Amino acid sequence: MGREALIRAATDADIEAIAANPRPADVAELWSCGRSTPASAMRFGLRHGTHTWTGEVDGVPVCMFGAVPASLIGRIGVPWMVGAAELDQHHIALIRRSRGAVRAMRSVYDVLANRVDARNCAAIRWLRWCGFTVSDVPEIHGPDRLPFYRFELRSD
């Protein structure tokens, strides 16, 4: 029997649920990128995002994602995602539903762009599946000076 997966509007309660057992790859990426934690990143995204969703499986939040504006002017959004460790077990169920969320972000932003830790292979695969272009050449980024790939998606 299949799992019940859905994407819905994010809430403050989702932050605690996901941050209680975050994906190690997300913890490493957030820390090496800017000394952030999963909880602080999700709080920022929920407070400042134009779009913030939670992916849940069988009623359990397993990821939060969305986009925040890059600045007060222009139509550039910064997409982000933080997952719980359980996301890796249920990613297929949610991936199929994520394209609609990406379309919603594209309706507000002309460009969606950010960086992804070169070590975060699962995130890179998801970004490509959603239609993002991921650079083949890493850039050194963050206080730990680790390789990150730029990714973007431009509206038609």
N, C-alpha and C. Protein backbone atom coordinates (compact mmCIF):
# COMPACT_ATOMS: atom_id res chain seq x y z
N MET A 1 0.84 -1.19 0.00
CA MET A 1 0.00 0.00 0.00
C MET A 1 0.88 1.24 0.00
N GLY A 2 0.51 2.27 -0.80
CA GLY A 2 1.30 3.47 -0.92
C GLY A 2 1.17 4.39 0.29
N ARG A 3 2.14 5.20 0.43
CA ARG A 3 2.14 6.20 1.50
C ARG A 3 1.31 7.40 1.09
N GLU A 4 0.67 8.04 2.07
CA GLU A 4 -0.10 9.25 1.83
C GLU A 4 0.87 10.44 1.91
N ALA A 5 1.20 11.02 0.76
CA ALA A 5 2.14 12.14 0.70
C ALA A 5 1.42 13.37 0.19
N LEU A 6 1.72 14.50 0.81
CA LEU A 6 1.14 15.76 0.34
C LEU A 6 2.06 16.92 0.65
N ILE A 7 1.83 17.98 -0.07
CA ILE A 7 2.53 19.24 0.16
C ILE A 7 1.48 20.25 0.55
N ARG A 8 1.72 20.95 1.67
CA ARG A 8 0.75 21.90 2.21
C ARG A 8 1.49 23.13 2.72
N ALA A 9 0.73 24.16 3.11
CA ALA A 9 1.34 25.37 3.68
C ALA A 9 2.09 25.01 4.96
N ALA A 10 3.27 25.57 5.12
CA ALA A 10 4.11 25.30 6.30
C ALA A 10 3.60 26.06 7.52
N THR A 11 3.87 25.50 8.70
CA THR A 11 3.52 26.13 9.97
C THR A 11 4.73 26.11 10.90
N ASP A 12 4.64 26.90 11.98
CA ASP A 12 5.70 26.90 12.99
C ASP A 12 5.92 25.52 13.59
N ALA A 13 4.85 24.76 13.79
CA ALA A 13 4.98 23.42 14.38
C ALA A 13 5.83 22.49 13.52
N ASP A 14 5.83 22.71 12.21
CA ASP A 14 6.62 21.87 11.32
C ASP A 14 8.12 22.05 11.58
N ILE A 15 8.51 23.23 11.97
CA ILE A 15 9.93 23.51 12.23
C ILE A 15 10.47 22.57 13.30
N GLU A 16 9.75 22.48 14.42
CA GLU A 16 10.19 21.61 15.51
C GLU A 16 10.24 20.15 15.08
N ALA A 17 9.22 19.72 14.35
CA ALA A 17 9.15 18.31 13.94
C ALA A 17 10.33 17.94 13.03
N ILE A 18 10.65 18.79 12.07
CA ILE A 18 11.73 18.50 11.12
C ILE A 18 13.09 18.68 11.78
N ALA A 19 13.25 19.73 12.57
CA ALA A 19 14.54 20.01 13.21
C ALA A 19 14.90 18.99 14.28
N ALA A 20 13.93 18.22 14.77
CA ALA A 20 14.22 17.20 15.78
C ALA A 20 15.10 16.08 15.23
N ASN A 21 15.03 15.84 13.91
CA ASN A 21 15.82 14.76 13.31
C ASN A 21 16.16 15.15 11.86
N PRO A 22 17.01 16.18 11.69
CA PRO A 22 17.29 16.67 10.34
C PRO A 22 18.20 15.74 9.54
N ARG A 23 18.11 15.85 8.22
CA ARG A 23 19.01 15.10 7.35
C ARG A 23 20.44 15.56 7.59
N PRO A 24 21.37 14.65 7.80
CA PRO A 24 22.77 15.05 8.01
C PRO A 24 23.32 15.92 6.88
N ALA A 25 22.95 15.64 5.64
CA ALA A 25 23.43 16.45 4.51
C ALA A 25 22.97 17.89 4.63
N ASP A 26 21.74 18.11 5.10
CA ASP A 26 21.23 19.47 5.27
C ASP A 26 21.92 20.19 6.42
N VAL A 27 22.17 19.46 7.52
CA VAL A 27 22.90 20.06 8.65
C VAL A 27 24.28 20.52 8.18
N ALA A 28 24.99 19.65 7.46
CA ALA A 28 26.34 19.99 6.98
C ALA A 28 26.30 21.17 6.03
N GLU A 29 25.34 21.19 5.11
CA GLU A 29 25.26 22.27 4.13
C GLU A 29 24.96 23.61 4.80
N LEU A 30 23.99 23.63 5.68
CA LEU A 30 23.61 24.88 6.35
C LEU A 30 24.75 25.42 7.20
N TRP A 31 25.45 24.54 7.89
CA TRP A 31 26.56 24.98 8.74
C TRP A 31 27.72 25.50 7.90
N SER A 32 28.10 24.77 6.85
CA SER A 32 29.25 25.17 6.06
C SER A 32 28.95 26.38 5.18
N CYS A 33 27.69 26.59 4.87
CA CYS A 33 27.31 27.73 4.02
C CYS A 33 27.29 29.03 4.79
N GLY A 34 26.77 29.00 6.03
CA GLY A 34 26.64 30.26 6.75
C GLY A 34 26.43 30.12 8.24
N ARG A 35 26.85 28.98 8.80
CA ARG A 35 26.74 28.74 10.25
C ARG A 35 25.30 28.78 10.73
N SER A 36 24.41 28.27 9.90
CA SER A 36 23.00 28.23 10.24
C SER A 36 22.63 26.82 10.72
N THR A 37 21.49 26.72 11.40
CA THR A 37 20.95 25.43 11.81
C THR A 37 19.67 25.17 11.03
N PRO A 38 19.22 23.92 10.98
CA PRO A 38 17.95 23.66 10.29
C PRO A 38 16.79 24.50 10.85
N ALA A 39 16.68 24.59 12.16
CA ALA A 39 15.57 25.36 12.75
C ALA A 39 15.64 26.83 12.37
N SER A 40 16.83 27.43 12.44
CA SER A 40 16.93 28.86 12.10
C SER A 40 16.68 29.09 10.61
N ALA A 41 17.12 28.19 9.76
CA ALA A 41 16.88 28.34 8.32
C ALA A 41 15.38 28.24 8.01
N MET A 42 14.70 27.29 8.64
CA MET A 42 13.26 27.15 8.39
C MET A 42 12.49 28.33 8.95
N ARG A 43 12.88 28.83 10.12
CA ARG A 43 12.21 30.02 10.68
C ARG A 43 12.36 31.20 9.73
N PHE A 44 13.57 31.40 9.21
CA PHE A 44 13.80 32.50 8.28
C PHE A 44 12.92 32.33 7.04
N GLY A 45 12.91 31.13 6.46
CA GLY A 45 12.12 30.89 5.27
C GLY A 45 10.63 31.08 5.49
N LEU A 46 10.14 30.64 6.65
CA LEU A 46 8.72 30.79 6.95
C LEU A 46 8.35 32.26 7.15
N ARG A 47 9.21 33.02 7.79
CA ARG A 47 8.92 34.43 8.08
C ARG A 47 9.06 35.34 6.85
N HIS A 48 10.04 35.03 6.00
CA HIS A 48 10.37 35.95 4.91
C HIS A 48 10.01 35.43 3.52
N GLY A 49 9.58 34.19 3.45
CA GLY A 49 9.31 33.59 2.15
C GLY A 49 7.99 34.03 1.54
N THR A 50 7.98 34.08 0.24
CA THR A 50 6.74 34.32 -0.49
C THR A 50 5.99 33.00 -0.66
N HIS A 51 6.73 31.92 -0.59
CA HIS A 51 6.18 30.57 -0.68
C HIS A 51 6.91 29.72 0.35
N THR A 52 6.19 29.03 1.19
CA THR A 52 6.80 28.09 2.13
C THR A 52 5.84 26.92 2.33
N TRP A 53 6.33 25.74 2.00
CA TRP A 53 5.52 24.53 2.09
C TRP A 53 6.17 23.50 3.00
N THR A 54 5.35 22.58 3.46
CA THR A 54 5.83 21.40 4.17
C THR A 54 5.39 20.18 3.38
N GLY A 55 6.34 19.27 3.21
CA GLY A 55 6.02 17.97 2.64
C GLY A 55 5.81 17.01 3.78
N GLU A 56 4.71 16.28 3.74
CA GLU A 56 4.46 15.31 4.81
C GLU A 56 4.10 13.97 4.21
N VAL A 57 4.42 12.93 4.96
CA VAL A 57 4.09 11.56 4.58
C VAL A 57 3.37 10.93 5.75
N ASP A 58 2.19 10.42 5.49
CA ASP A 58 1.35 9.81 6.53
C ASP A 58 1.17 10.74 7.73
N GLY A 59 1.00 12.04 7.44
CA GLY A 59 0.76 13.03 8.49
C GLY A 59 1.99 13.51 9.22
N VAL A 60 3.18 13.05 8.83
CA VAL A 60 4.42 13.43 9.51
C VAL A 60 5.21 14.38 8.61
N PRO A 61 5.55 15.59 9.10
CA PRO A 61 6.36 16.52 8.29
C PRO A 61 7.76 15.95 8.06
N VAL A 62 8.18 15.90 6.79
CA VAL A 62 9.51 15.38 6.47
C VAL A 62 10.39 16.39 5.74
N CYS A 63 9.81 17.52 5.32
CA CYS A 63 10.65 18.57 4.74
C CYS A 63 9.87 19.88 4.72
N MET A 64 10.62 20.97 4.69
CA MET A 64 10.05 22.30 4.51
C MET A 64 10.88 22.96 3.41
N PHE A 65 10.19 23.64 2.51
CA PHE A 65 10.91 24.29 1.42
C PHE A 65 10.13 25.49 0.92
N GLY A 66 10.79 26.31 0.13
CA GLY A 66 10.13 27.48 -0.41
C GLY A 66 11.11 28.39 -1.11
N ALA A 67 10.74 29.66 -1.18
CA ALA A 67 11.58 30.67 -1.81
C ALA A 67 11.42 31.98 -1.05
N VAL A 68 12.53 32.68 -0.92
CA VAL A 68 12.53 34.02 -0.33
C VAL A 68 13.05 34.98 -1.39
N PRO A 69 12.61 36.23 -1.36
CA PRO A 69 13.12 37.18 -2.34
C PRO A 69 14.60 37.47 -2.09
N ALA A 70 15.37 37.58 -3.18
CA ALA A 70 16.80 37.89 -3.06
C ALA A 70 17.00 39.33 -2.60
N SER A 71 16.08 40.21 -2.96
CA SER A 71 16.15 41.62 -2.54
C SER A 71 14.76 42.22 -2.62
N LEU A 72 14.64 43.45 -2.21
CA LEU A 72 13.35 44.14 -2.27
C LEU A 72 12.98 44.56 -3.68
N ILE A 73 13.97 44.63 -4.55
CA ILE A 73 13.71 44.98 -5.94
C ILE A 73 14.09 43.79 -6.82
N GLY A 74 13.48 43.72 -7.95
CA GLY A 74 13.75 42.62 -8.87
C GLY A 74 12.86 41.43 -8.57
N ARG A 75 12.92 40.48 -9.46
CA ARG A 75 12.07 39.28 -9.34
C ARG A 75 12.96 38.04 -9.31
N ILE A 76 13.91 38.04 -8.36
CA ILE A 76 14.79 36.90 -8.17
C ILE A 76 14.46 36.26 -6.83
N GLY A 77 14.18 34.97 -6.85
CA GLY A 77 13.87 34.23 -5.63
C GLY A 77 15.00 33.27 -5.29
N VAL A 78 15.14 33.01 -4.01
CA VAL A 78 16.16 32.09 -3.52
C VAL A 78 15.45 30.85 -2.97
N PRO A 79 15.46 29.75 -3.74
CA PRO A 79 14.80 28.54 -3.27
C PRO A 79 15.65 27.83 -2.22
N TRP A 80 14.98 27.12 -1.31
CA TRP A 80 15.67 26.42 -0.23
C TRP A 80 14.84 25.21 0.19
N MET A 81 15.49 24.27 0.88
CA MET A 81 14.80 23.10 1.43
C MET A 81 15.60 22.57 2.62
N VAL A 82 14.87 22.15 3.64
CA VAL A 82 15.45 21.45 4.79
C VAL A 82 14.60 20.21 5.00
N GLY A 83 15.28 19.07 5.11
CA GLY A 83 14.56 17.82 5.28
C GLY A 83 14.87 17.13 6.59
N ALA A 84 13.92 16.32 7.02
CA ALA A 84 14.14 15.42 8.14
C ALA A 84 14.80 14.15 7.59
N ALA A 85 15.43 13.39 8.46
CA ALA A 85 16.10 12.16 8.02
C ALA A 85 15.13 11.22 7.30
N GLU A 86 13.86 11.25 7.69
CA GLU A 86 12.85 10.39 7.06
C GLU A 86 12.59 10.73 5.60
N LEU A 87 12.99 11.92 5.17
CA LEU A 87 12.76 12.32 3.79
C LEU A 87 13.43 11.34 2.83
N ASP A 88 14.61 10.86 3.18
CA ASP A 88 15.32 9.96 2.28
C ASP A 88 14.54 8.66 2.03
N GLN A 89 13.71 8.25 2.97
CA GLN A 89 12.91 7.03 2.80
C GLN A 89 11.66 7.28 1.97
N HIS A 90 11.20 8.52 1.90
CA HIS A 90 9.92 8.83 1.26
C HIS A 90 10.04 9.86 0.15
N HIS A 91 11.24 10.09 -0.33
CA HIS A 91 11.42 11.18 -1.28
C HIS A 91 10.65 11.01 -2.58
N ILE A 92 10.48 9.80 -3.07
CA ILE A 92 9.76 9.59 -4.33
C ILE A 92 8.33 10.09 -4.23
N ALA A 93 7.67 9.79 -3.12
CA ALA A 93 6.28 10.20 -2.94
C ALA A 93 6.14 11.72 -2.98
N LEU A 94 7.12 12.43 -2.47
CA LEU A 94 7.03 13.90 -2.44
C LEU A 94 7.58 14.55 -3.70
N ILE A 95 8.59 13.95 -4.30
CA ILE A 95 9.20 14.53 -5.49
C ILE A 95 8.14 14.74 -6.58
N ARG A 96 7.26 13.78 -6.72
CA ARG A 96 6.23 13.88 -7.77
C ARG A 96 5.33 15.09 -7.56
N ARG A 97 5.17 15.50 -6.33
CA ARG A 97 4.30 16.64 -6.02
C ARG A 97 5.05 17.98 -6.00
N SER A 98 6.36 17.95 -6.04
CA SER A 98 7.14 19.18 -5.89
C SER A 98 7.15 20.06 -7.14
N ARG A 99 6.93 19.49 -8.29
CA ARG A 99 6.95 20.32 -9.50
C ARG A 99 5.89 21.41 -9.47
N GLY A 100 4.73 21.13 -8.89
CA GLY A 100 3.69 22.15 -8.78
C GLY A 100 4.14 23.31 -7.90
N ALA A 101 4.86 23.02 -6.85
CA ALA A 101 5.38 24.07 -5.98
C ALA A 101 6.42 24.92 -6.73
N VAL A 102 7.26 24.27 -7.51
CA VAL A 102 8.25 25.02 -8.30
C VAL A 102 7.54 25.91 -9.32
N ARG A 103 6.47 25.41 -9.94
CA ARG A 103 5.70 26.24 -10.87
C ARG A 103 5.13 27.47 -10.16
N ALA A 104 4.65 27.29 -8.93
CA ALA A 104 4.11 28.43 -8.16
C ALA A 104 5.20 29.45 -7.88
N MET A 105 6.40 29.00 -7.56
CA MET A 105 7.51 29.93 -7.33
C MET A 105 7.84 30.70 -8.61
N ARG A 106 7.82 29.99 -9.72
CA ARG A 106 8.14 30.63 -11.01
C ARG A 106 7.09 31.68 -11.40
N SER A 107 5.87 31.56 -10.88
CA SER A 107 4.84 32.55 -11.20
C SER A 107 5.12 33.89 -10.52
N VAL A 108 5.96 33.88 -9.50
CA VAL A 108 6.29 35.11 -8.77
C VAL A 108 7.67 35.63 -9.15
N TYR A 109 8.59 34.74 -9.44
CA TYR A 109 9.97 35.12 -9.72
C TYR A 109 10.36 34.81 -11.15
N ASP A 110 11.10 35.73 -11.77
CA ASP A 110 11.63 35.50 -13.11
C ASP A 110 12.80 34.52 -13.06
N VAL A 111 13.54 34.56 -11.95
CA VAL A 111 14.70 33.69 -11.77
C VAL A 111 14.67 33.11 -10.36
N LEU A 112 14.91 31.82 -10.27
CA LEU A 112 15.12 31.16 -8.99
C LEU A 112 16.58 30.72 -8.98
N ALA A 113 17.35 31.15 -7.98
CA ALA A 113 18.79 30.85 -7.98
C ALA A 113 19.31 30.73 -6.55
N ASN A 114 20.25 29.82 -6.37
CA ASN A 114 20.89 29.63 -5.07
C ASN A 114 22.13 28.77 -5.30
N ARG A 115 22.71 28.28 -4.21
CA ARG A 115 23.84 27.36 -4.25
C ARG A 115 23.46 26.09 -3.50
N VAL A 116 24.09 24.98 -3.88
CA VAL A 116 23.89 23.70 -3.21
C VAL A 116 25.26 23.10 -2.93
N ASP A 117 25.42 22.55 -1.75
CA ASP A 117 26.65 21.90 -1.34
C ASP A 117 26.98 20.78 -2.33
N ALA A 118 28.19 20.76 -2.83
CA ALA A 118 28.59 19.74 -3.81
C ALA A 118 28.48 18.34 -3.24
N ARG A 119 28.48 18.18 -1.92
CA ARG A 119 28.37 16.87 -1.28
C ARG A 119 26.92 16.38 -1.21
N ASN A 120 25.95 17.27 -1.45
CA ASN A 120 24.54 16.94 -1.26
C ASN A 120 23.95 16.38 -2.56
N CYS A 121 24.32 15.15 -2.87
CA CYS A 121 23.93 14.52 -4.14
C CYS A 121 22.42 14.39 -4.30
N ALA A 122 21.73 14.07 -3.22
CA ALA A 122 20.27 13.92 -3.31
C ALA A 122 19.62 15.25 -3.69
N ALA A 123 20.07 16.35 -3.11
CA ALA A 123 19.51 17.66 -3.44
C ALA A 123 19.81 18.03 -4.89
N ILE A 124 20.99 17.72 -5.34
CA ILE A 124 21.36 18.02 -6.73
C ILE A 124 20.47 17.25 -7.71
N ARG A 125 20.23 15.96 -7.42
CA ARG A 125 19.34 15.17 -8.28
C ARG A 125 17.93 15.76 -8.31
N TRP A 126 17.40 16.15 -7.13
CA TRP A 126 16.06 16.73 -7.06
C TRP A 126 15.99 18.02 -7.85
N LEU A 127 17.00 18.89 -7.71
CA LEU A 127 17.02 20.16 -8.43
C LEU A 127 16.97 19.92 -9.94
N ARG A 128 17.77 19.01 -10.41
CA ARG A 128 17.77 18.72 -11.85
C ARG A 128 16.43 18.16 -12.29
N TRP A 129 15.83 17.29 -11.49
CA TRP A 129 14.54 16.70 -11.83
C TRP A 129 13.47 17.79 -11.93
N CYS A 130 13.57 18.80 -11.10
CA CYS A 130 12.60 19.90 -11.11
C CYS A 130 12.86 20.90 -12.23
N GLY A 131 13.93 20.70 -12.98
CA GLY A 131 14.20 21.57 -14.12
C GLY A 131 15.26 22.64 -13.90
N PHE A 132 15.88 22.66 -12.73
CA PHE A 132 16.94 23.62 -12.47
C PHE A 132 18.19 23.24 -13.26
N THR A 133 18.93 24.24 -13.68
CA THR A 133 20.24 24.04 -14.26
C THR A 133 21.24 24.12 -13.12
N VAL A 134 22.04 23.07 -12.95
CA VAL A 134 23.05 23.03 -11.90
C VAL A 134 24.41 23.12 -12.57
N SER A 135 25.22 24.07 -12.15
CA SER A 135 26.54 24.26 -12.73
C SER A 135 27.37 22.99 -12.61
N ASP A 136 28.25 22.79 -13.57
CA ASP A 136 29.18 21.66 -13.52
C ASP A 136 30.48 22.03 -12.80
N VAL A 137 30.66 23.32 -12.57
CA VAL A 137 31.90 23.81 -11.97
C VAL A 137 31.60 24.36 -10.58
N PRO A 138 32.17 23.75 -9.55
CA PRO A 138 31.89 24.25 -8.20
C PRO A 138 32.60 25.57 -7.91
N GLU A 139 31.99 26.34 -7.00
CA GLU A 139 32.59 27.58 -6.50
C GLU A 139 32.88 27.36 -5.03
N ILE A 140 33.97 27.94 -4.55
CA ILE A 140 34.28 27.88 -3.12
C ILE A 140 33.36 28.90 -2.43
N HIS A 141 32.69 28.44 -1.36
CA HIS A 141 31.67 29.29 -0.74
C HIS A 141 31.62 29.03 0.76
N GLY A 142 31.24 30.06 1.51
CA GLY A 142 30.99 29.93 2.94
C GLY A 142 32.24 29.98 3.79
N PRO A 143 32.03 30.05 5.10
CA PRO A 143 33.16 30.18 6.02
C PRO A 143 34.11 28.97 6.00
N ASP A 144 33.61 27.81 5.62
CA ASP A 144 34.47 26.63 5.55
C ASP A 144 35.15 26.49 4.19
N ARG A 145 34.81 27.38 3.27
CA ARG A 145 35.42 27.41 1.93
C ARG A 145 35.32 26.04 1.24
N LEU A 146 34.09 25.54 1.18
CA LEU A 146 33.82 24.26 0.55
C LEU A 146 33.20 24.46 -0.82
N PRO A 147 33.26 23.45 -1.68
CA PRO A 147 32.67 23.59 -3.02
C PRO A 147 31.14 23.53 -3.00
N PHE A 148 30.55 24.50 -3.67
CA PHE A 148 29.11 24.57 -3.87
C PHE A 148 28.85 24.78 -5.35
N TYR A 149 27.71 24.27 -5.82
CA TYR A 149 27.29 24.50 -7.20
C TYR A 149 26.19 25.55 -7.22
N ARG A 150 26.27 26.46 -8.16
CA ARG A 150 25.17 27.40 -8.38
C ARG A 150 24.09 26.65 -9.16
N PHE A 151 22.84 26.99 -8.87
CA PHE A 151 21.74 26.43 -9.64
C PHE A 151 20.73 27.54 -9.90
N GLU A 152 20.01 27.40 -11.01
CA GLU A 152 18.98 28.40 -11.32
C GLU A 152 17.93 27.82 -12.25
N LEU A 153 16.82 28.53 -12.25
CA LEU A 153 15.71 28.21 -13.14
C LEU A 153 15.11 29.54 -13.55
N ARG A 154 15.03 29.77 -14.85
CA ARG A 154 14.49 31.02 -15.37
C ARG A 154 13.10 30.77 -15.93
N SER A 155 12.20 31.75 -15.73
CA SER A 155 10.86 31.65 -16.30
C SER A 155 10.93 31.78 -17.80
N ASP A 156 9.94 31.21 -18.45
CA ASP A 156 9.89 31.25 -19.93
C ASP A 156 9.62 32.63 -20.42
